[in-house]
Amino acid sequence: MTSSIQITVAQVPEKVPFDRLVEILLAAFAFQDGIVDPPSSAKSVNVSELQWRFARDTLILAHDQNGTVVGQVWIEDIGKDAYLYKLSVDPASKGGGIGRALVEAACAFAAKNGKEMMRLHVRVELRDNIAFFRARGFDIAGEGIHDGYDRPTFWKMARRLSV
C-alpha cells in the first residue's frame, strides 16, 4: 500500500488540514480508552493546539492516491536529538505500512538535520506499539512516570540515527 502513499513535510500552515489531523488523532488513539492510565492527552487535542505545535515543530504527512491525508507524525527538536510524537494513521488505512513509512521519514528528516537520536514515549500497556517501535530499531532507554502515579506509566524509547 505504501507505493501509493506520498510522504511530505508540511511547509505552510495554510495548506495543512488541521481539522483532518484532529480527526485522525482522535480515531487512531480511541482504542486506548480503558487501556492506558492515565488517559492519553491525544483525547483533548484540538485545532488550536496543532496550529501551535506546527509553529514550533515539524509535521510529516502521509497522503493517499487522492491527496487525502491519512497519517501524521510530529517531530520536536530537543537539542542534539529529536522527539517523535502523535504518530497516527487513519484506522481505515491502518495495516498498509503508512506508520512505518512515517517513522522512517521522520528519522531520515532528523538525521538530515544532524540529530543523533530519535526519541519517543510509549505507554507500558501498549505492547503492540512497543513491538512496532522495536521493529523500527527503537530500544527501551528508560521509564517514565506521570505526575500522581507511583509506577512507570511509559517507556522512553530511542533509536540512533545515521548522521
N, C-alpha and C. Protein backbone atom coordinates (compact mmCIF):
# COMPACT_ATOMS: atom_id res chain seq x y z
N MET A 1 0.81 -1.20 0.00
CA MET A 1 0.00 0.00 0.00
C MET A 1 0.84 1.25 0.00
N THR A 2 2.03 1.21 0.61
CA THR A 2 2.83 2.42 0.72
C THR A 2 3.28 2.94 -0.63
N SER A 3 3.24 2.12 -1.69
CA SER A 3 3.65 2.60 -3.01
C SER A 3 2.71 3.69 -3.52
N SER A 4 1.47 3.72 -3.05
CA SER A 4 0.53 4.76 -3.47
C SER A 4 0.43 5.88 -2.44
N ILE A 5 1.27 5.84 -1.42
CA ILE A 5 1.27 6.85 -0.37
C ILE A 5 2.39 7.85 -0.65
N GLN A 6 2.06 9.13 -0.51
CA GLN A 6 3.06 10.18 -0.65
C GLN A 6 3.33 10.76 0.73
N ILE A 7 4.60 10.83 1.08
CA ILE A 7 5.03 11.40 2.36
C ILE A 7 5.60 12.78 2.09
N THR A 8 5.11 13.78 2.83
CA THR A 8 5.58 15.15 2.65
C THR A 8 5.84 15.81 4.00
N VAL A 9 6.73 16.77 3.99
CA VAL A 9 6.94 17.62 5.16
C VAL A 9 6.09 18.86 4.93
N ALA A 10 5.16 19.11 5.84
CA ALA A 10 4.28 20.27 5.70
C ALA A 10 5.11 21.54 5.84
N GLN A 11 4.89 22.48 4.92
CA GLN A 11 5.70 23.69 4.89
C GLN A 11 4.96 24.95 5.37
N VAL A 12 3.69 25.07 4.98
CA VAL A 12 2.95 26.29 5.31
C VAL A 12 1.61 25.92 5.96
N PRO A 13 1.24 26.64 7.00
CA PRO A 13 0.02 26.28 7.73
C PRO A 13 -1.25 26.36 6.88
N GLU A 14 -1.29 27.22 5.90
CA GLU A 14 -2.49 27.36 5.07
C GLU A 14 -2.82 26.09 4.30
N LYS A 15 -1.84 25.24 4.09
CA LYS A 15 -2.06 24.00 3.33
C LYS A 15 -2.22 22.78 4.23
N VAL A 16 -2.27 23.00 5.54
CA VAL A 16 -2.40 21.88 6.48
C VAL A 16 -3.86 21.74 6.89
N PRO A 17 -4.46 20.56 6.66
CA PRO A 17 -5.86 20.34 7.07
C PRO A 17 -5.96 19.97 8.55
N PHE A 18 -5.84 20.98 9.40
CA PHE A 18 -5.79 20.73 10.84
C PHE A 18 -7.03 19.98 11.34
N ASP A 19 -8.21 20.27 10.79
CA ASP A 19 -9.42 19.54 11.21
C ASP A 19 -9.25 18.04 10.94
N ARG A 20 -8.71 17.71 9.78
CA ARG A 20 -8.49 16.31 9.41
C ARG A 20 -7.45 15.67 10.35
N LEU A 21 -6.42 16.41 10.73
CA LEU A 21 -5.41 15.87 11.64
C LEU A 21 -6.00 15.55 13.00
N VAL A 22 -6.87 16.43 13.50
CA VAL A 22 -7.55 16.16 14.77
C VAL A 22 -8.40 14.90 14.64
N GLU A 23 -9.13 14.80 13.54
CA GLU A 23 -9.98 13.62 13.30
C GLU A 23 -9.16 12.33 13.31
N ILE A 24 -8.02 12.33 12.64
CA ILE A 24 -7.16 11.15 12.58
C ILE A 24 -6.62 10.82 13.98
N LEU A 25 -6.15 11.82 14.69
CA LEU A 25 -5.62 11.59 16.04
C LEU A 25 -6.67 10.97 16.96
N LEU A 26 -7.85 11.55 16.98
CA LEU A 26 -8.91 11.03 17.87
C LEU A 26 -9.28 9.60 17.51
N ALA A 27 -9.39 9.32 16.22
CA ALA A 27 -9.75 7.97 15.78
C ALA A 27 -8.62 6.97 16.07
N ALA A 28 -7.39 7.37 15.81
CA ALA A 28 -6.25 6.46 15.98
C ALA A 28 -5.98 6.14 17.44
N PHE A 29 -6.23 7.10 18.33
CA PHE A 29 -5.95 6.88 19.75
C PHE A 29 -7.16 6.33 20.52
N ALA A 30 -8.32 6.23 19.87
CA ALA A 30 -9.55 5.80 20.55
C ALA A 30 -9.43 4.41 21.16
N PHE A 31 -8.67 3.51 20.53
CA PHE A 31 -8.55 2.15 21.05
C PHE A 31 -7.93 2.11 22.45
N GLN A 32 -7.23 3.18 22.84
CA GLN A 32 -6.56 3.21 24.13
C GLN A 32 -7.52 3.44 25.30
N ASP A 33 -8.75 3.85 24.99
CA ASP A 33 -9.73 4.10 26.06
C ASP A 33 -9.88 2.86 26.92
N GLY A 34 -9.74 3.03 28.21
CA GLY A 34 -9.87 1.92 29.13
C GLY A 34 -8.65 1.03 29.22
N ILE A 35 -7.60 1.34 28.45
CA ILE A 35 -6.38 0.54 28.47
C ILE A 35 -5.25 1.30 29.18
N VAL A 36 -5.02 2.55 28.76
CA VAL A 36 -3.92 3.31 29.34
C VAL A 36 -4.41 4.15 30.52
N ASP A 37 -3.55 4.23 31.53
CA ASP A 37 -3.85 5.03 32.71
C ASP A 37 -2.57 5.76 33.10
N PRO A 38 -2.56 7.10 33.04
CA PRO A 38 -3.68 7.99 32.80
C PRO A 38 -4.09 8.00 31.32
N PRO A 39 -5.31 8.52 31.04
CA PRO A 39 -5.76 8.59 29.65
C PRO A 39 -4.81 9.43 28.80
N SER A 40 -4.75 9.12 27.53
CA SER A 40 -3.87 9.83 26.59
C SER A 40 -4.27 11.29 26.46
N SER A 41 -3.27 12.15 26.38
CA SER A 41 -3.52 13.58 26.14
C SER A 41 -4.06 13.82 24.73
N ALA A 42 -3.91 12.84 23.85
CA ALA A 42 -4.45 12.97 22.49
C ALA A 42 -5.97 13.12 22.50
N LYS A 43 -6.60 12.68 23.59
CA LYS A 43 -8.07 12.77 23.69
C LYS A 43 -8.55 14.22 23.71
N SER A 44 -7.68 15.15 24.10
CA SER A 44 -8.09 16.55 24.22
C SER A 44 -7.49 17.44 23.13
N VAL A 45 -6.88 16.83 22.12
CA VAL A 45 -6.26 17.62 21.06
C VAL A 45 -7.31 18.40 20.29
N ASN A 46 -6.92 19.61 19.84
CA ASN A 46 -7.83 20.42 19.03
C ASN A 46 -7.02 21.18 17.98
N VAL A 47 -7.72 21.86 17.10
CA VAL A 47 -7.07 22.57 16.00
C VAL A 47 -6.09 23.61 16.53
N SER A 48 -6.48 24.36 17.54
CA SER A 48 -5.59 25.40 18.09
C SER A 48 -4.27 24.82 18.59
N GLU A 49 -4.35 23.68 19.28
CA GLU A 49 -3.13 23.05 19.77
C GLU A 49 -2.23 22.63 18.62
N LEU A 50 -2.81 22.03 17.59
CA LEU A 50 -2.00 21.58 16.46
C LEU A 50 -1.40 22.77 15.71
N GLN A 51 -2.13 23.86 15.61
CA GLN A 51 -1.57 25.05 14.97
C GLN A 51 -0.39 25.59 15.78
N TRP A 52 -0.52 25.57 17.10
CA TRP A 52 0.59 25.99 17.96
C TRP A 52 1.79 25.07 17.76
N ARG A 53 1.54 23.77 17.72
CA ARG A 53 2.62 22.81 17.51
C ARG A 53 3.27 23.01 16.15
N PHE A 54 2.48 23.30 15.14
CA PHE A 54 3.01 23.50 13.79
C PHE A 54 4.01 24.66 13.76
N ALA A 55 3.73 25.71 14.53
CA ALA A 55 4.63 26.86 14.58
C ALA A 55 5.96 26.50 15.26
N ARG A 56 5.96 25.45 16.09
CA ARG A 56 7.15 25.07 16.85
C ARG A 56 7.86 23.86 16.28
N ASP A 57 7.12 22.86 15.81
CA ASP A 57 7.68 21.56 15.47
C ASP A 57 7.54 21.26 13.98
N THR A 58 8.01 20.10 13.58
CA THR A 58 7.92 19.65 12.19
C THR A 58 6.80 18.63 12.06
N LEU A 59 6.01 18.77 11.02
CA LEU A 59 4.89 17.87 10.74
C LEU A 59 5.16 17.13 9.43
N ILE A 60 5.08 15.81 9.50
CA ILE A 60 5.20 14.98 8.29
C ILE A 60 3.86 14.31 8.08
N LEU A 61 3.38 14.39 6.83
CA LEU A 61 2.07 13.88 6.48
C LEU A 61 2.17 12.73 5.47
N ALA A 62 1.20 11.83 5.54
CA ALA A 62 1.03 10.79 4.53
C ALA A 62 -0.28 11.08 3.80
N HIS A 63 -0.22 11.09 2.46
CA HIS A 63 -1.39 11.34 1.62
C HIS A 63 -1.65 10.09 0.78
N ASP A 64 -2.92 9.76 0.60
CA ASP A 64 -3.26 8.63 -0.28
C ASP A 64 -3.24 9.08 -1.73
N GLN A 65 -3.60 8.18 -2.64
CA GLN A 65 -3.55 8.48 -4.08
C GLN A 65 -4.49 9.62 -4.49
N ASN A 66 -5.47 9.92 -3.65
CA ASN A 66 -6.40 11.03 -3.94
C ASN A 66 -5.95 12.34 -3.30
N GLY A 67 -4.82 12.31 -2.58
CA GLY A 67 -4.33 13.51 -1.92
C GLY A 67 -4.89 13.72 -0.52
N THR A 68 -5.71 12.78 -0.05
CA THR A 68 -6.29 12.88 1.29
C THR A 68 -5.24 12.50 2.34
N VAL A 69 -5.14 13.29 3.38
CA VAL A 69 -4.22 12.98 4.47
C VAL A 69 -4.74 11.76 5.22
N VAL A 70 -3.87 10.74 5.35
CA VAL A 70 -4.25 9.51 6.04
C VAL A 70 -3.35 9.20 7.23
N GLY A 71 -2.34 10.04 7.45
CA GLY A 71 -1.45 9.81 8.59
C GLY A 71 -0.59 11.02 8.87
N GLN A 72 -0.03 11.03 10.08
CA GLN A 72 0.81 12.15 10.51
C GLN A 72 1.79 11.70 11.56
N VAL A 73 2.89 12.43 11.64
CA VAL A 73 3.83 12.29 12.75
C VAL A 73 4.46 13.66 12.96
N TRP A 74 4.71 13.97 14.21
CA TRP A 74 5.28 15.25 14.60
C TRP A 74 6.67 15.02 15.15
N ILE A 75 7.56 16.00 14.93
CA ILE A 75 8.94 15.91 15.41
C ILE A 75 9.28 17.20 16.15
N GLU A 76 9.72 17.04 17.38
CA GLU A 76 10.17 18.18 18.17
C GLU A 76 11.70 18.16 18.23
N ASP A 77 12.32 19.30 18.01
CA ASP A 77 13.76 19.45 18.13
C ASP A 77 14.09 19.56 19.62
N ILE A 78 14.88 18.61 20.13
CA ILE A 78 15.26 18.65 21.55
C ILE A 78 16.79 18.67 21.67
N GLY A 79 17.40 19.62 21.02
CA GLY A 79 18.85 19.76 21.08
C GLY A 79 19.54 18.82 20.11
N LYS A 80 20.42 17.96 20.64
CA LYS A 80 21.15 17.05 19.76
C LYS A 80 20.28 15.90 19.26
N ASP A 81 19.09 15.74 19.85
CA ASP A 81 18.17 14.67 19.48
C ASP A 81 16.85 15.25 18.98
N ALA A 82 15.99 14.36 18.51
CA ALA A 82 14.64 14.73 18.09
C ALA A 82 13.66 13.84 18.84
N TYR A 83 12.44 14.35 19.02
CA TYR A 83 11.40 13.62 19.73
C TYR A 83 10.22 13.41 18.80
N LEU A 84 9.85 12.15 18.57
CA LEU A 84 8.75 11.78 17.70
C LEU A 84 7.49 11.64 18.54
N TYR A 85 6.38 12.25 18.08
CA TYR A 85 5.14 12.13 18.84
C TYR A 85 3.92 12.23 17.92
N LYS A 86 2.78 11.86 18.47
CA LYS A 86 1.48 11.90 17.79
C LYS A 86 1.48 11.17 16.44
N LEU A 87 2.23 10.07 16.37
CA LEU A 87 2.17 9.21 15.19
C LEU A 87 0.77 8.65 15.14
N SER A 88 0.07 8.89 14.04
CA SER A 88 -1.30 8.38 13.93
C SER A 88 -1.67 8.18 12.47
N VAL A 89 -2.38 7.09 12.24
CA VAL A 89 -2.85 6.72 10.90
C VAL A 89 -4.35 6.54 10.97
N ASP A 90 -5.05 7.03 9.98
CA ASP A 90 -6.49 6.83 9.89
C ASP A 90 -6.77 5.33 10.01
N PRO A 91 -7.61 4.91 10.97
CA PRO A 91 -7.88 3.47 11.13
C PRO A 91 -8.34 2.78 9.84
N ALA A 92 -8.98 3.51 8.94
CA ALA A 92 -9.42 2.92 7.68
C ALA A 92 -8.24 2.57 6.77
N SER A 93 -7.08 3.15 7.04
CA SER A 93 -5.87 2.90 6.23
C SER A 93 -4.81 2.11 6.98
N LYS A 94 -5.12 1.70 8.21
CA LYS A 94 -4.15 1.02 9.07
C LYS A 94 -3.76 -0.34 8.48
N GLY A 95 -2.51 -0.71 8.71
CA GLY A 95 -2.04 -2.03 8.28
C GLY A 95 -1.37 -2.04 6.92
N GLY A 96 -1.27 -0.88 6.30
CA GLY A 96 -0.67 -0.82 4.96
C GLY A 96 0.73 -0.27 4.92
N GLY A 97 1.37 -0.12 6.07
CA GLY A 97 2.74 0.36 6.08
C GLY A 97 2.88 1.87 6.20
N ILE A 98 1.78 2.57 6.41
CA ILE A 98 1.83 4.03 6.50
C ILE A 98 2.58 4.47 7.76
N GLY A 99 2.30 3.86 8.88
CA GLY A 99 3.00 4.20 10.12
C GLY A 99 4.50 3.98 9.98
N ARG A 100 4.87 2.85 9.41
CA ARG A 100 6.28 2.54 9.17
C ARG A 100 6.93 3.61 8.28
N ALA A 101 6.23 3.99 7.20
CA ALA A 101 6.77 5.00 6.28
C ALA A 101 6.93 6.35 6.98
N LEU A 102 5.98 6.70 7.84
CA LEU A 102 6.06 7.97 8.57
C LEU A 102 7.23 7.96 9.55
N VAL A 103 7.43 6.86 10.27
CA VAL A 103 8.55 6.77 11.21
C VAL A 103 9.87 6.88 10.46
N GLU A 104 9.99 6.17 9.36
CA GLU A 104 11.25 6.21 8.59
C GLU A 104 11.49 7.61 8.02
N ALA A 105 10.44 8.27 7.56
CA ALA A 105 10.58 9.64 7.05
C ALA A 105 11.00 10.59 8.16
N ALA A 106 10.42 10.41 9.35
CA ALA A 106 10.78 11.26 10.49
C ALA A 106 12.24 11.06 10.88
N CYS A 107 12.67 9.80 10.91
CA CYS A 107 14.06 9.52 11.27
C CYS A 107 15.02 10.06 10.21
N ALA A 108 14.66 9.92 8.95
CA ALA A 108 15.51 10.46 7.87
C ALA A 108 15.59 11.99 7.96
N PHE A 109 14.46 12.63 8.24
CA PHE A 109 14.43 14.08 8.38
C PHE A 109 15.33 14.52 9.53
N ALA A 110 15.21 13.85 10.67
CA ALA A 110 16.01 14.21 11.84
C ALA A 110 17.50 13.99 11.57
N ALA A 111 17.84 12.87 10.95
CA ALA A 111 19.24 12.59 10.63
C ALA A 111 19.80 13.64 9.68
N LYS A 112 19.03 14.00 8.67
CA LYS A 112 19.45 15.02 7.70
C LYS A 112 19.71 16.35 8.40
N ASN A 113 19.01 16.58 9.49
CA ASN A 113 19.16 17.83 10.24
C ASN A 113 20.14 17.69 11.40
N GLY A 114 20.97 16.63 11.35
CA GLY A 114 22.07 16.48 12.27
C GLY A 114 21.73 15.91 13.64
N LYS A 115 20.56 15.34 13.79
CA LYS A 115 20.18 14.78 15.09
C LYS A 115 20.84 13.41 15.28
N GLU A 116 21.23 13.12 16.53
CA GLU A 116 21.91 11.87 16.84
C GLU A 116 20.94 10.73 17.15
N MET A 117 19.85 11.06 17.85
CA MET A 117 18.89 10.04 18.28
C MET A 117 17.47 10.53 18.00
N MET A 118 16.60 9.56 17.71
CA MET A 118 15.17 9.84 17.68
C MET A 118 14.63 9.22 18.97
N ARG A 119 13.89 10.01 19.70
CA ARG A 119 13.34 9.56 20.98
C ARG A 119 11.81 9.59 20.92
N LEU A 120 11.18 8.80 21.76
CA LEU A 120 9.72 8.80 21.86
C LEU A 120 9.32 8.17 23.17
N HIS A 121 8.06 8.33 23.51
CA HIS A 121 7.48 7.68 24.69
C HIS A 121 6.35 6.79 24.23
N VAL A 122 6.22 5.63 24.85
CA VAL A 122 5.11 4.72 24.55
C VAL A 122 4.60 4.16 25.88
N ARG A 123 3.29 4.10 26.00
CA ARG A 123 2.67 3.64 27.24
C ARG A 123 3.01 2.18 27.50
N VAL A 124 3.25 1.85 28.76
CA VAL A 124 3.65 0.50 29.13
C VAL A 124 2.58 -0.53 28.77
N GLU A 125 1.32 -0.13 28.75
CA GLU A 125 0.23 -1.07 28.46
C GLU A 125 0.13 -1.43 26.97
N LEU A 126 0.75 -0.66 26.10
CA LEU A 126 0.56 -0.83 24.66
C LEU A 126 1.65 -1.71 24.05
N ARG A 127 1.54 -3.01 24.32
CA ARG A 127 2.57 -3.96 23.88
C ARG A 127 2.75 -3.98 22.37
N ASP A 128 1.66 -3.86 21.61
CA ASP A 128 1.78 -3.85 20.15
C ASP A 128 2.54 -2.62 19.67
N ASN A 129 2.32 -1.49 20.31
CA ASN A 129 3.05 -0.27 19.94
C ASN A 129 4.53 -0.41 20.26
N ILE A 130 4.83 -1.00 21.42
CA ILE A 130 6.22 -1.23 21.80
C ILE A 130 6.89 -2.13 20.76
N ALA A 131 6.22 -3.19 20.36
CA ALA A 131 6.76 -4.11 19.35
C ALA A 131 6.94 -3.41 18.01
N PHE A 132 5.98 -2.55 17.64
CA PHE A 132 6.09 -1.78 16.39
C PHE A 132 7.37 -0.96 16.39
N PHE A 133 7.62 -0.23 17.47
CA PHE A 133 8.81 0.63 17.53
C PHE A 133 10.09 -0.18 17.64
N ARG A 134 10.06 -1.30 18.34
CA ARG A 134 11.25 -2.17 18.39
C ARG A 134 11.60 -2.64 16.98
N ALA A 135 10.57 -2.99 16.20
CA ALA A 135 10.80 -3.44 14.82
C ALA A 135 11.35 -2.32 13.93
N ARG A 136 11.22 -1.09 14.36
CA ARG A 136 11.74 0.06 13.63
C ARG A 136 13.12 0.48 14.16
N GLY A 137 13.71 -0.32 15.05
CA GLY A 137 15.05 -0.04 15.54
C GLY A 137 15.12 0.73 16.85
N PHE A 138 14.00 0.92 17.52
CA PHE A 138 13.99 1.62 18.81
C PHE A 138 14.20 0.62 19.94
N ASP A 139 14.91 1.07 20.96
CA ASP A 139 15.11 0.26 22.16
C ASP A 139 14.58 1.03 23.36
N ILE A 140 14.20 0.30 24.39
CA ILE A 140 13.78 0.95 25.63
C ILE A 140 15.03 1.53 26.29
N ALA A 141 14.95 2.84 26.57
CA ALA A 141 16.10 3.57 27.10
C ALA A 141 15.83 4.08 28.51
N GLY A 142 14.66 3.79 29.05
CA GLY A 142 14.33 4.24 30.39
C GLY A 142 12.83 4.16 30.61
N GLU A 143 12.42 4.57 31.79
CA GLU A 143 11.00 4.55 32.11
C GLU A 143 10.59 5.94 32.56
N GLY A 144 9.30 6.21 32.47
CA GLY A 144 8.78 7.49 32.92
C GLY A 144 7.53 7.28 33.75
N ILE A 145 7.27 8.25 34.61
CA ILE A 145 6.12 8.18 35.50
C ILE A 145 5.34 9.49 35.39
N HIS A 146 4.07 9.40 35.04
CA HIS A 146 3.23 10.59 35.01
C HIS A 146 3.03 11.12 36.42
N ASP A 147 2.85 12.42 36.53
CA ASP A 147 2.57 13.04 37.83
C ASP A 147 1.40 12.36 38.51
N GLY A 148 1.55 12.08 39.80
CA GLY A 148 0.48 11.48 40.58
C GLY A 148 0.48 9.96 40.58
N TYR A 149 1.42 9.34 39.87
CA TYR A 149 1.49 7.88 39.81
C TYR A 149 2.75 7.40 40.51
N ASP A 150 2.69 6.19 41.05
CA ASP A 150 3.84 5.64 41.77
C ASP A 150 4.43 4.44 41.04
N ARG A 151 4.12 4.32 39.78
CA ARG A 151 4.63 3.22 38.96
C ARG A 151 4.97 3.78 37.58
N PRO A 152 5.83 3.08 36.85
CA PRO A 152 6.11 3.53 35.47
C PRO A 152 4.83 3.50 34.64
N THR A 153 4.59 4.56 33.91
CA THR A 153 3.41 4.64 33.04
C THR A 153 3.79 4.68 31.57
N PHE A 154 5.06 4.95 31.27
CA PHE A 154 5.50 4.92 29.88
C PHE A 154 6.97 4.55 29.81
N TRP A 155 7.32 3.98 28.64
CA TRP A 155 8.72 3.67 28.34
C TRP A 155 9.30 4.80 27.50
N LYS A 156 10.52 5.13 27.78
CA LYS A 156 11.28 6.05 26.93
C LYS A 156 12.02 5.16 25.94
N MET A 157 11.82 5.40 24.66
CA MET A 157 12.48 4.59 23.64
C MET A 157 13.36 5.50 22.80
N ALA A 158 14.41 4.92 22.22
CA ALA A 158 15.35 5.71 21.41
C ALA A 158 15.92 4.86 20.29
N ARG A 159 16.27 5.56 19.22
CA ARG A 159 16.90 4.93 18.05
C ARG A 159 18.05 5.82 17.61
N ARG A 160 19.23 5.25 17.49
CA ARG A 160 20.37 6.00 16.98
C ARG A 160 20.15 6.27 15.50
N LEU A 161 20.46 7.49 15.09
CA LEU A 161 20.28 7.88 13.70
C LEU A 161 21.63 7.90 12.98
N SER A 162 21.60 7.63 11.70
CA SER A 162 22.80 7.71 10.88
C SER A 162 22.93 9.13 10.39
N VAL A 163 23.90 9.85 10.96
CA VAL A 163 24.08 11.26 10.60
C VAL A 163 25.00 11.36 9.40
